[in-house]
Protein backbone atom coordinates (compact mmCIF):
# COMPACT_ATOMS: atom_id res chain seq x y z
CA MET A 1 -8.34 2.75 -9.19
CA LYS A 2 -6.25 4.02 -12.07
CA ILE A 3 -3.18 6.17 -11.66
CA ASP A 4 -2.64 8.61 -14.49
CA LEU A 5 1.08 9.03 -14.88
CA SER A 6 2.99 9.43 -18.09
CA TYR A 7 6.68 9.71 -18.79
CA GLU A 8 8.48 10.35 -21.99
CA ALA A 9 12.26 10.14 -22.16
CA LYS A 10 13.76 12.77 -24.42
CA GLY A 11 17.30 11.55 -24.43
CA LEU A 12 20.13 12.32 -22.09
CA ALA A 13 19.18 15.39 -20.04
CA THR A 14 21.15 16.19 -16.93
CA TYR A 15 20.14 18.59 -14.20
CA SER A 16 22.46 20.52 -11.96
CA LYS A 17 21.73 21.96 -8.55
CA SER A 18 20.17 25.00 -10.25
CA ASP A 19 17.82 22.69 -12.24
CA LYS A 20 19.04 24.10 -15.57
CA GLU A 21 19.34 21.68 -18.47
CA ILE A 22 22.90 21.15 -19.55
CA ASP A 23 23.47 21.40 -23.28
CA LEU A 24 25.51 18.30 -24.12
CA SER A 25 26.07 19.47 -27.69
CA ASN A 26 28.38 22.22 -26.41
CA LYS A 27 31.83 20.69 -26.91
CA GLU A 28 33.44 23.08 -24.43
CA LYS A 29 31.21 21.93 -21.55
CA LYS A 30 32.59 18.99 -19.63
CA VAL A 31 30.03 16.63 -18.17
CA THR A 32 30.92 15.34 -14.75
CA ALA A 33 30.43 11.78 -13.56
CA LYS A 34 27.95 13.10 -11.01
CA GLU A 35 25.81 14.66 -13.76
CA ILE A 36 25.83 11.43 -15.76
CA THR A 37 24.97 9.41 -12.65
CA ASN A 38 22.13 11.79 -11.79
CA THR A 39 20.75 11.42 -15.31
CA TYR A 40 20.75 7.64 -15.13
CA LEU A 41 19.26 7.73 -11.66
CA PHE A 42 16.45 10.06 -12.80
CA GLU A 43 15.64 7.90 -15.82
CA TYR A 44 15.69 4.77 -13.64
CA GLN A 45 13.32 6.38 -11.13
CA MET A 46 10.90 7.35 -13.89
CA LYS A 47 11.00 3.85 -15.38
CA VAL A 48 10.30 2.29 -11.96
CA THR A 49 7.42 4.74 -11.40
CA VAL A 50 5.81 3.87 -14.74
CA GLU A 51 6.25 0.11 -14.23
CA THR A 52 4.86 0.34 -10.69
CA LYS A 53 1.81 2.21 -11.98
CA ASN A 54 1.24 -0.48 -14.61
CA ASP A 55 1.63 -3.28 -12.05
CA PHE A 56 -0.73 -1.56 -9.61
CA ASN A 57 -3.37 -1.02 -12.29
CA THR A 58 -3.10 -4.66 -13.37
CA GLN A 59 -3.56 -5.82 -9.78
CA ALA A 60 -6.50 -3.46 -9.24
CA GLU A 61 -8.18 -4.70 -12.40
CA THR A 62 -7.77 -8.37 -11.49
CA PHE A 63 -8.92 -8.15 -7.84
CA ARG A 64 -12.31 -9.74 -7.28
CA LEU A 65 -14.28 -10.05 -4.04
CA SER A 66 -14.14 -13.81 -4.53
CA ASP A 67 -10.38 -13.49 -3.89
CA ILE A 68 -11.20 -12.84 -0.23
CA GLY A 69 -13.89 -15.50 -0.04
CA TYR A 70 -17.02 -13.50 -0.90
CA LYS A 71 -19.45 -15.71 -2.80
CA GLY A 72 -22.58 -13.54 -2.68
CA LYS A 73 -24.36 -11.43 -5.26
CA PRO A 74 -22.43 -8.68 -6.99
CA ILE A 75 -22.37 -5.66 -4.67
CA GLY A 76 -24.16 -3.43 -7.19
CA GLU A 77 -27.10 -5.87 -7.33
CA LEU A 78 -27.73 -6.08 -3.56
CA THR A 79 -30.91 -4.75 -2.02
CA GLN A 80 -30.53 -2.39 0.92
CA SER A 81 -31.42 -5.16 3.40
CA GLU A 82 -28.95 -7.59 1.79
CA ALA A 83 -26.20 -4.97 1.98
CA LYS A 84 -26.98 -4.26 5.64
CA ALA A 85 -26.79 -8.00 6.40
CA LEU A 86 -23.22 -8.07 5.04
CA VAL A 87 -21.99 -5.38 7.45
CA VAL A 88 -23.62 -6.52 10.69
CA ASP A 89 -21.11 -7.65 13.30
CA ASP A 90 -20.94 -11.25 12.08
CA GLY A 91 -21.62 -10.49 8.39
CA PHE A 92 -19.01 -11.08 5.71
CA PHE A 93 -17.98 -7.42 5.71
CA GLY A 94 -18.72 -6.96 9.41
CA ILE A 95 -16.18 -6.28 12.11
CA ALA A 96 -15.52 -9.87 13.18
CA GLN A 97 -14.86 -11.42 9.76
CA THR A 98 -13.07 -8.44 8.24
CA SER A 99 -10.72 -7.96 11.20
CA GLN A 100 -10.00 -11.70 11.12
CA ARG A 101 -9.10 -11.56 7.40
CA ILE A 102 -6.79 -8.57 7.96
CA ALA A 103 -5.07 -10.16 10.96
CA ASP A 104 -4.77 -13.55 9.26
CA PHE A 105 -3.10 -11.95 6.25
CA VAL A 106 -0.41 -10.42 8.47
CA ILE A 107 -0.05 -13.37 10.86
CA LEU A 108 0.14 -16.02 8.14
CA GLY A 109 2.51 -13.87 6.08
CA ALA A 110 4.86 -13.39 9.03
CA GLY A 111 4.84 -16.98 10.24
CA ASP A 112 6.82 -17.18 13.49
CA ASP A 113 9.07 -14.24 12.61
CA VAL A 114 8.56 -11.50 15.23
CA GLU A 115 10.17 -8.80 13.07
CA LYS A 116 7.96 -9.61 10.09
CA LEU A 117 4.93 -9.56 12.39
CA LYS A 118 5.94 -6.12 13.67
CA ALA A 119 6.44 -4.93 10.10
CA GLY A 120 3.04 -6.31 9.11
CA ARG A 121 1.41 -4.56 12.07
CA SER A 122 3.11 -1.33 11.08
CA GLY A 123 1.92 -1.82 7.50
CA MET A 124 -1.67 -2.34 8.68
CA LEU A 125 -1.59 0.93 10.59
CA GLN A 126 0.07 2.82 7.73
CA GLY A 127 -2.46 1.44 5.26
CA PHE A 128 -5.28 2.54 7.52
CA LYS A 129 -3.78 6.03 7.80
CA ASP A 130 -3.43 6.16 4.02
CA ALA A 131 -7.10 5.15 3.67
CA GLU A 132 -8.07 7.98 6.02
CA ASP A 133 -6.04 10.43 3.95
CA MET A 134 -7.60 9.22 0.69
CA TRP A 135 -11.10 9.37 2.21
CA GLY A 136 -10.45 12.99 3.11
CA GLU A 137 -12.24 12.92 6.44
CA LYS A 138 -12.95 10.60 9.34
CA LEU A 139 -13.81 7.09 8.19
CA PRO A 140 -17.04 5.37 9.26
CA GLU A 141 -16.82 4.09 12.85
CA ILE A 142 -16.96 0.44 11.70
CA SER A 143 -13.52 0.98 10.11
CA TYR A 144 -11.90 2.04 13.39
CA THR A 145 -13.44 -0.83 15.35
CA THR A 146 -12.41 -3.33 12.68
CA MET A 147 -8.82 -2.08 12.63
CA GLN A 148 -8.66 -2.08 16.44
CA LYS A 149 -9.76 -5.74 16.54
CA ALA A 150 -7.29 -6.72 13.80
CA VAL A 151 -4.42 -5.00 15.64
CA GLU A 152 -5.43 -6.75 18.88
CA MET A 153 -5.20 -10.14 17.11
CA VAL A 154 -1.76 -9.33 15.70
CA ASP A 155 -0.61 -8.04 19.10
CA LYS A 156 -1.83 -11.27 20.73
CA ARG A 157 0.17 -13.36 18.25
CA LEU A 158 3.18 -11.11 18.77
CA SER A 159 2.90 -11.66 22.52
CA GLU A 160 2.60 -15.44 22.02
CA LEU A 161 5.90 -15.33 20.15
CA GLY A 162 7.55 -13.40 22.97
CA GLY A 163 7.62 -10.13 21.08
CA SER A 164 6.35 -6.69 21.96
CA VAL A 165 5.02 -3.80 19.95
CA LEU A 166 7.28 -1.54 21.99
CA ASP A 167 10.80 -1.24 20.68
CA THR A 168 13.02 -1.75 23.71
CA LYS A 169 16.29 -1.68 21.73
CA GLY A 170 18.28 1.43 21.86
C-alpha cells in the first residue's frame, strides 16, 4: 500500500484565523509570536506527515508472509484447493492460527502490564474497525470470528492478571 502525499515548503508562511497569508515583506506589519509559532508548528506537522508516509511505505514494502511464519508457496501461485486449505479452521490463515497470532502479538507485547494489555486490545479493535472502513462494506464472516477469538484470548489473559476490560475508575 502506497500513500501518495507530497509537501513542498515555500518558506515562512503564516496563517491567521482567517486563513489569509501574511505578507512578511511588509515592514509595517508586525508578526506576533503566535503567528511564528503556528508557522513552525505547521511545518513540523507536514515534516512528520511526510516522514511517517515514507516509514509506512518502507515497512509495507519489506513485509513478507514469512515474517508471520508462512512457509508455503507464494499466494499468487496457489491453486484454488491449496488456497482453500489455508483458510480452513486449522489452516495457516484459518480462524484458529490467525486469532492466535493476533492475540500473541498483543499478549507478548504487553507482558504482565494490564494497562498495556488493555491498550493492545483497544488497538486490535480499532485496527479491525479501520479495516472495515477501508474495505468499504462488511468484511467476510471469517474476519469477525477470527477477531472475536483473538479478543477472547486477550480478555482471558487480562482476567488472569486481575484486570478487566471494563473501566471501573471514575
